Amino acid sequence: MTALFVTCLITSNIIAVKIIDVLGVVVPAAVVIFPLSYLFGDILTEVYGYARSRQVIWIGFGCNALAAIAIWIGGRLPSAVFWDGQSAYVRILGSTARILAASFSAYLVGEFLNSLVLARMKIVTKGRWLWTRTIGSTLVGQGADSLIFITIAFAGSLSAANLVRVIVAQWLVKSAYETIATPLTYAIVGFLKRTEQEDYYDHQTDFNPFHLKG
């Protein structure tokens, strides 16, 4: 689960540079895989609890930061005389500091809210109605993620109306993705609970995102 979570996160940040138009909805290409990070985050919290999910969120943050540093260094190393792809490399992979700040901030806030809401809802619902937790937590987490990323990344370069349009479009597409994937979430959660004999409830959990103990 951790490997899949981190892979989805890093891959989405790489392909997000491409803007796609699907039936008139304009969103970054990352929407094809980024919502899966929320799906795997839901599974981790549902089965293993908030504390384990918190550790994975920070692992994902660290791995993403490492990838960003490596890509930055790669862009600044001298090119071979016969290689003519430097401008393409910089255009596709050379994210600005503003985009990276937006991405990292949105990721941390969105993922922690997603995990927190799901853990709290599990206690309230006494473990019933998994779909309400996965969809409800995603609406909150993805909403915060979209709001923070789009605002930090594009405020000033987009009009207020277009800013709101892009935020809402991205939020709805990502949330719809999670909703459609509900049967997959049920299948994986059921398999892990049976196999691991684990179904954690966060009754005594410290929800401080900076407390890294399991």
C-alpha atoms as a PDB file:
ATOM      1  CA  MET A   1       0.000   0.000   0.000  1.00  0.00           C
ATOM      2  CA  THR A   2       2.835   2.396   0.831  1.00  0.00           C
ATOM      3  CA  ALA A   3       4.624   1.674  -2.443  1.00  0.00           C
ATOM      4  CA  LEU A   4       1.443   2.195  -4.461  1.00  0.00           C
ATOM      5  CA  PHE A   5       0.634   5.387  -2.558  1.00  0.00           C
ATOM      6  CA  VAL A   6       4.089   6.883  -3.165  1.00  0.00           C
ATOM      7  CA  THR A   7       4.151   5.809  -6.820  1.00  0.00           C
ATOM      8  CA  CYS A   8       0.808   7.475  -7.498  1.00  0.00           C
ATOM      9  CA  LEU A   9       1.958  10.646  -5.767  1.00  0.00           C
ATOM     10  CA  ILE A  10       5.282  11.033  -7.604  1.00  0.00           C
ATOM     11  CA  THR A  11       3.857  10.025 -10.977  1.00  0.00           C
ATOM     12  CA  SER A  12       0.992  12.493 -10.673  1.00  0.00           C
ATOM     13  CA  ASN A  13       3.391  15.334  -9.913  1.00  0.00           C
ATOM     14  CA  ILE A  14       5.413  14.535 -13.038  1.00  0.00           C
ATOM     15  CA  ILE A  15       2.480  14.299 -15.457  1.00  0.00           C
ATOM     16  CA  ALA A  16       0.575  17.234 -13.926  1.00  0.00           C
ATOM     17  CA  VAL A  17       2.441  19.589 -16.263  1.00  0.00           C
ATOM     18  CA  LYS A  18       0.133  18.530 -19.098  1.00  0.00           C
ATOM     19  CA  ILE A  19      -3.282  20.194 -19.157  1.00  0.00           C
ATOM     20  CA  ILE A  20      -6.017  18.059 -20.671  1.00  0.00           C
ATOM     21  CA  ASP A  21      -9.515  18.810 -21.903  1.00  0.00           C
ATOM     22  CA  VAL A  22     -12.012  16.004 -21.300  1.00  0.00           C
ATOM     23  CA  LEU A  23     -15.486  16.825 -22.584  1.00  0.00           C
ATOM     24  CA  GLY A  24     -14.928  20.498 -21.900  1.00  0.00           C
ATOM     25  CA  VAL A  25     -13.479  19.969 -18.404  1.00  0.00           C
ATOM     26  CA  VAL A  26      -9.952  21.410 -18.257  1.00  0.00           C
ATOM     27  CA  VAL A  27      -7.759  19.753 -15.612  1.00  0.00           C
ATOM     28  CA  PRO A  28      -4.137  18.628 -15.157  1.00  0.00           C
ATOM     29  CA  ALA A  29      -3.318  15.161 -16.524  1.00  0.00           C
ATOM     30  CA  ALA A  30      -2.541  14.120 -12.955  1.00  0.00           C
ATOM     31  CA  VAL A  31      -6.247  13.455 -12.408  1.00  0.00           C
ATOM     32  CA  VAL A  32      -5.775  10.065 -14.124  1.00  0.00           C
ATOM     33  CA  ILE A  33      -3.749   8.768 -11.176  1.00  0.00           C
ATOM     34  CA  PHE A  34      -3.569  11.265  -8.278  1.00  0.00           C
ATOM     35  CA  PRO A  35      -7.011  10.329  -6.867  1.00  0.00           C
ATOM     36  CA  LEU A  36      -5.627   6.813  -6.354  1.00  0.00           C
ATOM     37  CA  SER A  37      -3.356   8.222  -3.652  1.00  0.00           C
ATOM     38  CA  TYR A  38      -6.517   9.172  -1.750  1.00  0.00           C
ATOM     39  CA  LEU A  39      -7.966   5.725  -2.377  1.00  0.00           C
ATOM     40  CA  PHE A  40      -4.864   4.069  -0.931  1.00  0.00           C
ATOM     41  CA  GLY A  41      -4.833   6.611   1.890  1.00  0.00           C
ATOM     42  CA  ASP A  42      -8.425   5.656   2.714  1.00  0.00           C
ATOM     43  CA  ILE A  43      -7.490   1.977   2.742  1.00  0.00           C
ATOM     44  CA  LEU A  44      -4.499   2.555   5.019  1.00  0.00           C
ATOM     45  CA  THR A  45      -6.554   4.556   7.519  1.00  0.00           C
ATOM     46  CA  GLU A  46      -9.532   2.186   7.415  1.00  0.00           C
ATOM     47  CA  VAL A  47      -7.467  -0.950   8.011  1.00  0.00           C
ATOM     48  CA  TYR A  48      -4.423   0.211   9.984  1.00  0.00           C
ATOM     49  CA  GLY A  49      -5.559   3.480  11.564  1.00  0.00           C
ATOM     50  CA  TYR A  50      -4.607   7.154  11.387  1.00  0.00           C
ATOM     51  CA  ALA A  51      -1.155   6.746  12.933  1.00  0.00           C
ATOM     52  CA  ARG A  52       0.014   4.338  10.229  1.00  0.00           C
ATOM     53  CA  SER A  53      -1.508   6.514   7.532  1.00  0.00           C
ATOM     54  CA  ARG A  54       0.281   9.526   9.032  1.00  0.00           C
ATOM     55  CA  GLN A  55       3.612   7.744   8.688  1.00  0.00           C
ATOM     56  CA  VAL A  56       2.896   6.907   5.050  1.00  0.00           C
ATOM     57  CA  ILE A  57       1.863  10.499   4.297  1.00  0.00           C
ATOM     58  CA  TRP A  58       5.229  11.727   5.576  1.00  0.00           C
ATOM     59  CA  ILE A  59       7.054   8.980   3.680  1.00  0.00           C
ATOM     60  CA  GLY A  60       5.277  10.169   0.540  1.00  0.00           C
ATOM     61  CA  PHE A  61       6.262  13.761   1.286  1.00  0.00           C
ATOM     62  CA  GLY A  62       9.905  12.781   1.733  1.00  0.00           C
ATOM     63  CA  CYS A  63       9.988  10.666  -1.425  1.00  0.00           C
ATOM     64  CA  ASN A  64       8.352  13.428  -3.427  1.00  0.00           C
ATOM     65  CA  ALA A  65      10.857  15.971  -2.119  1.00  0.00           C
ATOM     66  CA  LEU A  66      13.720  13.637  -3.042  1.00  0.00           C
ATOM     67  CA  ALA A  67      12.317  13.235  -6.561  1.00  0.00           C
ATOM     68  CA  ALA A  68      11.973  17.019  -6.929  1.00  0.00           C
ATOM     69  CA  ILE A  69      15.569  17.573  -5.788  1.00  0.00           C
ATOM     70  CA  ALA A  70      16.892  14.878  -8.149  1.00  0.00           C
ATOM     71  CA  ILE A  71      14.973  16.345 -11.098  1.00  0.00           C
ATOM     72  CA  TRP A  72      16.261  19.837 -10.252  1.00  0.00           C
ATOM     73  CA  ILE A  73      19.871  18.607 -10.085  1.00  0.00           C
ATOM     74  CA  GLY A  74      19.421  16.687 -13.347  1.00  0.00           C
ATOM     75  CA  GLY A  75      18.264  19.844 -15.065  1.00  0.00           C
ATOM     76  CA  ARG A  76      21.329  21.776 -13.978  1.00  0.00           C
ATOM     77  CA  LEU A  77      23.992  19.216 -14.787  1.00  0.00           C
ATOM     78  CA  PRO A  78      25.811  19.957 -18.079  1.00  0.00           C
ATOM     79  CA  SER A  79      24.287  18.220 -21.107  1.00  0.00           C
ATOM     80  CA  ALA A  80      26.245  15.941 -23.409  1.00  0.00           C
ATOM     81  CA  VAL A  81      27.253  17.774 -26.599  1.00  0.00           C
ATOM     82  CA  PHE A  82      25.081  15.496 -28.754  1.00  0.00           C
ATOM     83  CA  TRP A  83      21.949  15.754 -26.566  1.00  0.00           C
ATOM     84  CA  ASP A  84      19.422  18.374 -27.669  1.00  0.00           C
ATOM     85  CA  GLY A  85      16.640  17.778 -25.133  1.00  0.00           C
ATOM     86  CA  GLN A  86      17.588  20.324 -22.458  1.00  0.00           C
ATOM     87  CA  SER A  87      14.822  22.798 -23.264  1.00  0.00           C
ATOM     88  CA  ALA A  88      12.229  20.004 -23.319  1.00  0.00           C
ATOM     89  CA  TYR A  89      13.543  18.644 -20.001  1.00  0.00           C
ATOM     90  CA  VAL A  90      13.303  22.045 -18.346  1.00  0.00           C
ATOM     91  CA  ARG A  91       9.865  22.769 -19.818  1.00  0.00           C
ATOM     92  CA  ILE A  92       8.347  19.475 -18.670  1.00  0.00           C
ATOM     93  CA  LEU A  93      10.203  18.768 -15.438  1.00  0.00           C
ATOM     94  CA  GLY A  94      11.431  22.188 -14.370  1.00  0.00           C
ATOM     95  CA  SER A  95       8.652  23.094 -11.958  1.00  0.00           C
ATOM     96  CA  THR A  96       8.923  26.554 -10.462  1.00  0.00           C
ATOM     97  CA  ALA A  97       9.312  27.090  -6.731  1.00  0.00           C
ATOM     98  CA  ARG A  98       5.740  28.372  -6.658  1.00  0.00           C
ATOM     99  CA  ILE A  99       4.332  25.188  -8.205  1.00  0.00           C
ATOM    100  CA  LEU A 100       6.343  23.000  -5.832  1.00  0.00           C
ATOM    101  CA  ALA A 101       5.190  25.031  -2.824  1.00  0.00           C
ATOM    102  CA  ALA A 102       1.592  24.704  -3.998  1.00  0.00           C
ATOM    103  CA  SER A 103       1.951  20.962  -4.554  1.00  0.00           C
ATOM    104  CA  PHE A 104       3.601  20.188  -1.219  1.00  0.00           C
ATOM    105  CA  SER A 105       1.220  22.390   0.791  1.00  0.00           C
ATOM    106  CA  ALA A 106      -1.897  21.009  -0.893  1.00  0.00           C
ATOM    107  CA  TYR A 107      -0.677  17.436  -0.488  1.00  0.00           C
ATOM    108  CA  LEU A 108      -0.044  17.663   3.245  1.00  0.00           C
ATOM    109  CA  VAL A 109      -3.262  19.483   4.112  1.00  0.00           C
ATOM    110  CA  GLY A 110      -5.437  17.367   1.815  1.00  0.00           C
ATOM    111  CA  GLU A 111      -4.041  13.986   2.816  1.00  0.00           C
ATOM    112  CA  PHE A 112      -4.124  14.674   6.546  1.00  0.00           C
ATOM    113  CA  LEU A 113      -7.682  15.992   6.372  1.00  0.00           C
ATOM    114  CA  ASN A 114      -8.706  12.942   4.350  1.00  0.00           C
ATOM    115  CA  SER A 115      -7.228  10.549   6.894  1.00  0.00           C
ATOM    116  CA  LEU A 116      -8.533  12.490   9.911  1.00  0.00           C
ATOM    117  CA  VAL A 117     -12.104  12.679   8.608  1.00  0.00           C
ATOM    118  CA  LEU A 118     -12.179   8.987   7.721  1.00  0.00           C
ATOM    119  CA  ALA A 119     -10.796   7.931  11.112  1.00  0.00           C
ATOM    120  CA  ARG A 120     -13.317  10.095  12.964  1.00  0.00           C
ATOM    121  CA  MET A 121     -16.214   8.941  10.822  1.00  0.00           C
ATOM    122  CA  LYS A 122     -15.292   5.298  11.415  1.00  0.00           C
ATOM    123  CA  ILE A 123     -15.826   5.792  15.130  1.00  0.00           C
ATOM    124  CA  VAL A 124     -19.079   7.708  14.619  1.00  0.00           C
ATOM    125  CA  THR A 125     -20.490   5.086  12.223  1.00  0.00           C
ATOM    126  CA  LYS A 126     -19.105   2.215  14.351  1.00  0.00           C
ATOM    127  CA  GLY A 127     -17.376   0.767  11.310  1.00  0.00           C
ATOM    128  CA  ARG A 128     -20.505   0.627   9.155  1.00  0.00           C
ATOM    129  CA  TRP A 129     -21.137   2.230   5.777  1.00  0.00           C
ATOM    130  CA  LEU A 130     -17.569   2.339   4.517  1.00  0.00           C
ATOM    131  CA  TRP A 131     -18.681   4.227   1.412  1.00  0.00           C
ATOM    132  CA  THR A 132     -19.786   7.213   3.500  1.00  0.00           C
ATOM    133  CA  ARG A 133     -16.297   7.450   4.990  1.00  0.00           C
ATOM    134  CA  THR A 134     -14.348   7.064   1.759  1.00  0.00           C
ATOM    135  CA  ILE A 135     -16.488   9.513  -0.181  1.00  0.00           C
ATOM    136  CA  GLY A 136     -16.973  11.964   2.685  1.00  0.00           C
ATOM    137  CA  SER A 137     -13.274  12.117   3.549  1.00  0.00           C
ATOM    138  CA  THR A 138     -12.365  12.505  -0.116  1.00  0.00           C
ATOM    139  CA  LEU A 139     -14.757  15.418  -0.570  1.00  0.00           C
ATOM    140  CA  VAL A 140     -13.045  17.213   2.316  1.00  0.00           C
ATOM    141  CA  GLY A 141      -9.461  16.239   1.459  1.00  0.00           C
ATOM    142  CA  GLN A 142      -9.702  16.778  -2.279  1.00  0.00           C
ATOM    143  CA  GLY A 143     -11.572  20.030  -1.732  1.00  0.00           C
ATOM    144  CA  ALA A 144      -8.758  21.376   0.430  1.00  0.00           C
ATOM    145  CA  ASP A 145      -6.118  20.019  -1.965  1.00  0.00           C
ATOM    146  CA  SER A 146      -7.701  21.648  -5.024  1.00  0.00           C
ATOM    147  CA  LEU A 147      -8.324  24.956  -3.240  1.00  0.00           C
ATOM    148  CA  ILE A 148      -4.776  25.261  -1.900  1.00  0.00           C
ATOM    149  CA  PHE A 149      -2.931  24.053  -5.009  1.00  0.00           C
ATOM    150  CA  ILE A 150      -4.828  26.089  -7.587  1.00  0.00           C
ATOM    151  CA  THR A 151      -4.850  29.224  -5.422  1.00  0.00           C
ATOM    152  CA  ILE A 152      -1.112  29.185  -4.643  1.00  0.00           C
ATOM    153  CA  ALA A 153      -0.081  28.081  -8.136  1.00  0.00           C
ATOM    154  CA  PHE A 154      -2.280  30.338 -10.260  1.00  0.00           C
ATOM    155  CA  ALA A 155      -3.535  33.293  -8.194  1.00  0.00           C
ATOM    156  CA  GLY A 156      -2.678  36.428 -10.125  1.00  0.00           C
ATOM    157  CA  SER A 157      -2.299  34.633 -13.441  1.00  0.00           C
ATOM    158  CA  LEU A 158      -5.977  33.614 -13.646  1.00  0.00           C
ATOM    159  CA  SER A 159      -9.031  35.764 -13.093  1.00  0.00           C
ATOM    160  CA  ALA A 160     -11.030  35.091  -9.932  1.00  0.00           C
ATOM    161  CA  ALA A 161     -13.823  33.502 -11.968  1.00  0.00           C
ATOM    162  CA  ASN A 162     -11.458  31.148 -13.819  1.00  0.00           C
ATOM    163  CA  LEU A 163      -9.660  30.330 -10.583  1.00  0.00           C
ATOM    164  CA  VAL A 164     -12.923  29.208  -8.998  1.00  0.00           C
ATOM    165  CA  ARG A 165     -13.868  27.302 -12.166  1.00  0.00           C
ATOM    166  CA  VAL A 166     -10.629  25.316 -12.196  1.00  0.00           C
ATOM    167  CA  ILE A 167     -10.803  24.613  -8.438  1.00  0.00           C
ATOM    168  CA  VAL A 168     -14.364  23.309  -8.635  1.00  0.00           C
ATOM    169  CA  ALA A 169     -13.700  21.280 -11.808  1.00  0.00           C
ATOM    170  CA  GLN A 170     -10.639  19.583 -10.318  1.00  0.00           C
ATOM    171  CA  TRP A 171     -12.433  18.908  -7.021  1.00  0.00           C
ATOM    172  CA  LEU A 172     -15.459  17.353  -8.709  1.00  0.00           C
ATOM    173  CA  VAL A 173     -13.431  15.216 -11.121  1.00  0.00           C
ATOM    174  CA  LYS A 174     -11.203  13.839  -8.359  1.00  0.00           C
ATOM    175  CA  SER A 175     -14.160  13.199  -6.045  1.00  0.00           C
ATOM    176  CA  ALA A 176     -16.093  11.468  -8.836  1.00  0.00           C
ATOM    177  CA  TYR A 177     -13.054   9.284  -9.478  1.00  0.00           C
ATOM    178  CA  GLU A 178     -13.054   8.141  -5.856  1.00  0.00           C
ATOM    179  CA  THR A 179     -16.786   7.487  -5.927  1.00  0.00           C
ATOM    180  CA  ILE A 180     -16.524   5.332  -9.041  1.00  0.00           C
ATOM    181  CA  ALA A 181     -13.640   3.406  -7.453  1.00  0.00           C
ATOM    182  CA  THR A 182     -15.717   2.527  -4.350  1.00  0.00           C
ATOM    183  CA  PRO A 183     -16.137  -1.163  -5.332  1.00  0.00           C
ATOM    184  CA  LEU A 184     -12.333  -1.462  -5.676  1.00  0.00           C
ATOM    185  CA  THR A 185     -11.885   0.125  -2.247  1.00  0.00           C
ATOM    186  CA  TYR A 186     -14.337  -2.350  -0.722  1.00  0.00           C
ATOM    187  CA  ALA A 187     -12.521  -5.287  -2.327  1.00  0.00           C
ATOM    188  CA  ILE A 188      -9.063  -4.246  -1.122  1.00  0.00           C
ATOM    189  CA  VAL A 189     -10.244  -3.302   2.380  1.00  0.00           C
ATOM    190  CA  GLY A 190     -12.078  -6.599   2.750  1.00  0.00           C
ATOM    191  CA  PHE A 191      -9.057  -8.570   1.553  1.00  0.00           C
ATOM    192  CA  LEU A 192      -6.626  -6.783   3.888  1.00  0.00           C
ATOM    193  CA  LYS A 193      -8.878  -7.052   6.935  1.00  0.00           C
ATOM    194  CA  ARG A 194      -9.254 -10.799   6.387  1.00  0.00           C
ATOM    195  CA  THR A 195      -5.588 -11.380   5.592  1.00  0.00           C
ATOM    196  CA  GLU A 196      -4.030  -9.086   8.205  1.00  0.00           C
ATOM    197  CA  GLN A 197      -6.690  -9.703  10.873  1.00  0.00           C
ATOM    198  CA  GLU A 198      -6.650  -5.952  11.413  1.00  0.00           C
ATOM    199  CA  ASP A 199      -9.474  -3.429  11.666  1.00  0.00           C
ATOM    200  CA  TYR A 200      -8.193  -0.473  13.662  1.00  0.00           C
ATOM    201  CA  TYR A 201     -10.373   2.084  15.468  1.00  0.00           C
ATOM    202  CA  ASP A 202      -8.736   5.385  16.467  1.00  0.00           C
ATOM    203  CA  HIS A 203     -10.300   5.768  19.910  1.00  0.00           C
ATOM    204  CA  GLN A 204      -7.079   6.781  21.692  1.00  0.00           C
ATOM    205  CA  THR A 205      -5.133   8.178  18.757  1.00  0.00           C
ATOM    206  CA  ASP A 206      -3.120  11.388  18.897  1.00  0.00           C
ATOM    207  CA  PHE A 207      -4.199  13.161  15.696  1.00  0.00           C
ATOM    208  CA  ASN A 208      -1.302  15.618  15.702  1.00  0.00           C
ATOM    209  CA  PRO A 209       0.097  15.314  12.150  1.00  0.00           C
ATOM    210  CA  PHE A 210       3.633  15.946  13.428  1.00  0.00           C
ATOM    211  CA  HIS A 211       3.579  13.091  15.948  1.00  0.00           C
ATOM    212  CA  LEU A 212       5.245  10.332  13.949  1.00  0.00           C
ATOM    213  CA  LYS A 213       5.040   7.409  16.364  1.00  0.00           C
ATOM    214  CA  GLY A 214       2.884   4.495  15.142  1.00  0.00           C
END
